[in-house]
Protein backbone atom coordinates (compact mmCIF):
# COMPACT_ATOMS: atom_id res chain seq x y z
CA MET A 1 95.36 105.54 113.65
CA LEU A 2 92.18 106.05 111.62
CA LEU A 3 92.32 103.56 109.16
CA ASN A 4 90.00 100.44 109.38
CA ASN A 5 88.45 102.08 112.37
CA PHE A 6 87.14 105.27 111.28
CA TYR A 7 87.26 104.74 107.50
CA THR A 8 88.45 101.95 105.15
CA VAL A 9 90.14 101.91 101.73
CA SER A 10 87.87 100.51 98.78
CA SER A 11 90.52 101.07 96.37
CA ILE A 12 93.81 102.47 95.87
CA GLU A 13 96.05 103.53 92.87
CA HIS A 14 99.50 104.49 92.87
CA THR A 15 101.51 106.08 90.03
CA ALA A 16 104.90 107.84 90.16
CA GLY A 17 103.89 110.93 92.30
CA SER A 18 99.99 110.42 92.38
CA ILE A 19 97.83 108.32 94.61
CA HIS A 20 94.18 108.04 94.17
CA ALA A 21 92.13 106.26 96.87
CA ALA A 22 88.17 105.50 97.40
CA ILE A 23 87.35 105.57 101.11
CA ARG A 24 84.46 104.76 103.08
CA ILE A 25 83.83 106.94 106.20
CA GLN A 26 82.11 104.83 108.93
CA LYS A 27 79.05 107.06 109.57
CA ASP A 28 78.47 105.26 112.96
CA HIS A 29 81.73 106.07 114.41
CA SER A 30 81.93 107.27 117.96
CA ILE A 31 83.51 110.40 116.91
CA PHE A 32 80.09 111.57 115.60
CA ASN A 33 78.76 111.67 118.89
CA GLY A 34 80.67 114.78 119.83
CA HIS A 35 81.07 116.36 116.40
CA PHE A 36 78.09 116.83 116.17
CA PRO A 37 75.10 114.76 117.88
CA SER A 38 72.41 114.19 115.19
CA VAL A 39 74.45 116.50 112.92
CA PRO A 40 77.53 114.39 112.05
CA ILE A 41 80.67 116.44 110.44
CA VAL A 42 84.03 114.92 109.77
CA PRO A 43 86.28 116.82 111.60
CA GLY A 44 89.12 118.60 109.79
CA VAL A 45 91.85 116.99 111.69
CA CYS A 46 90.30 113.53 110.78
CA MET A 47 90.74 114.58 106.88
CA MET A 48 93.98 115.86 107.54
CA GLN A 49 95.10 112.42 109.29
CA ILE A 50 93.45 110.51 106.19
CA VAL A 51 95.62 112.32 103.79
CA LYS A 52 98.77 111.46 105.83
CA GLU A 53 97.75 107.82 106.32
CA VAL A 54 96.95 107.27 102.54
CA THR A 55 100.42 108.84 101.66
CA GLU A 56 102.14 106.90 104.33
CA SER A 57 100.64 103.60 102.97
CA GLN A 58 101.59 104.16 99.49
CA THR A 59 105.30 105.69 100.38
CA ASN A 60 105.99 103.10 102.68
CA SER A 61 107.01 105.78 105.39
CA ARG A 62 106.06 106.80 108.85
CA LEU A 63 105.36 110.41 108.39
CA MET A 64 104.36 113.53 110.22
CA ILE A 65 102.90 116.94 108.97
CA THR A 66 105.76 119.49 109.38
CA SER A 67 104.01 122.35 107.69
CA ALA A 68 100.59 123.14 105.88
CA ASP A 69 100.90 126.04 103.43
CA ASN A 70 97.56 126.09 102.50
CA MET A 71 94.38 124.12 103.93
CA LYS A 72 91.06 124.95 102.70
CA PHE A 73 87.61 123.37 104.20
CA LEU A 74 85.35 123.89 101.04
CA SER A 75 82.34 122.01 102.26
CA VAL A 76 80.79 120.18 105.14
CA LEU A 77 81.60 116.43 104.95
CA ASP A 78 78.65 114.70 106.43
CA PRO A 79 79.02 110.87 106.16
CA THR A 80 75.18 110.28 106.30
CA GLN A 81 75.34 111.80 102.98
CA HIS A 82 78.79 111.23 101.46
CA ALA A 83 80.08 107.91 103.19
CA ASP A 84 82.05 107.12 100.15
CA VAL A 85 84.70 109.77 99.03
CA GLU A 86 87.72 110.09 97.06
CA VAL A 87 91.22 111.04 98.27
CA ALA A 88 93.67 112.53 95.53
CA ILE A 89 97.28 113.11 96.24
CA THR A 90 100.10 114.41 94.18
CA TYR A 91 103.68 114.50 95.79
CA GLU A 92 107.16 115.31 95.10
CA GLN A 93 109.81 113.61 97.01
CA HIS A 94 112.92 116.24 98.29
CA ASN A 95 115.38 113.98 100.19
CA ASP A 96 113.67 112.97 103.20
CA SER A 97 110.28 115.04 102.75
CA PHE A 98 107.31 115.02 100.63
CA GLN A 99 105.68 118.02 99.22
CA ILE A 100 101.94 117.11 98.63
CA LYS A 101 98.87 118.58 97.33
CA ALA A 102 95.72 116.70 98.27
CA SER A 103 91.83 116.76 98.41
CA ILE A 104 88.98 115.02 99.43
CA PHE A 105 85.92 114.97 97.37
CA ALA A 106 82.68 113.22 95.90
CA GLY A 107 81.96 113.98 92.20
CA GLN A 108 82.14 117.42 91.88
CA LEU A 109 81.90 118.46 95.34
CA THR A 110 85.18 118.97 97.04
CA PHE A 111 85.18 118.83 100.77
CA PHE A 112 89.10 119.75 101.64
CA LYS A 113 92.13 120.94 100.00
CA LEU A 114 95.67 120.73 101.57
CA ASN A 115 99.19 121.68 100.40
CA ALA A 116 101.67 120.37 102.94
CA THR A 117 105.17 119.04 103.81
CA LEU A 118 105.58 115.53 105.34
CA LYS A 119 108.66 114.27 106.85
CA PRO A 120 109.63 111.15 108.49
CA ALA A 121 108.18 110.72 111.94
CA GLY A 122 111.13 110.31 114.54
């Protein structure tokens, strides 16, 4: 949905239970015309979608977020200041669901953290 439109993947590493991706947010994307004009901020729902899509790409599963136990927006993600960010995900698979812990960050600055359950999309 957002991959190769709102953001691109620069690199990705996947080991058992761990995914690390470097992504570039398209700072000129039209979504920033409304969120917010002249003060672009990556919407929280887009950060959730990025985490979901990165997880899907590495687990070869079409997933949906069925619960989010803990979601924190820690800093504003302005793509004109931080177009290149990292996504770190750890996960455990239980039958058909994935329990994930994820964050989006740049260096020492964390923008978003999420603990969630993802299950196969119907």
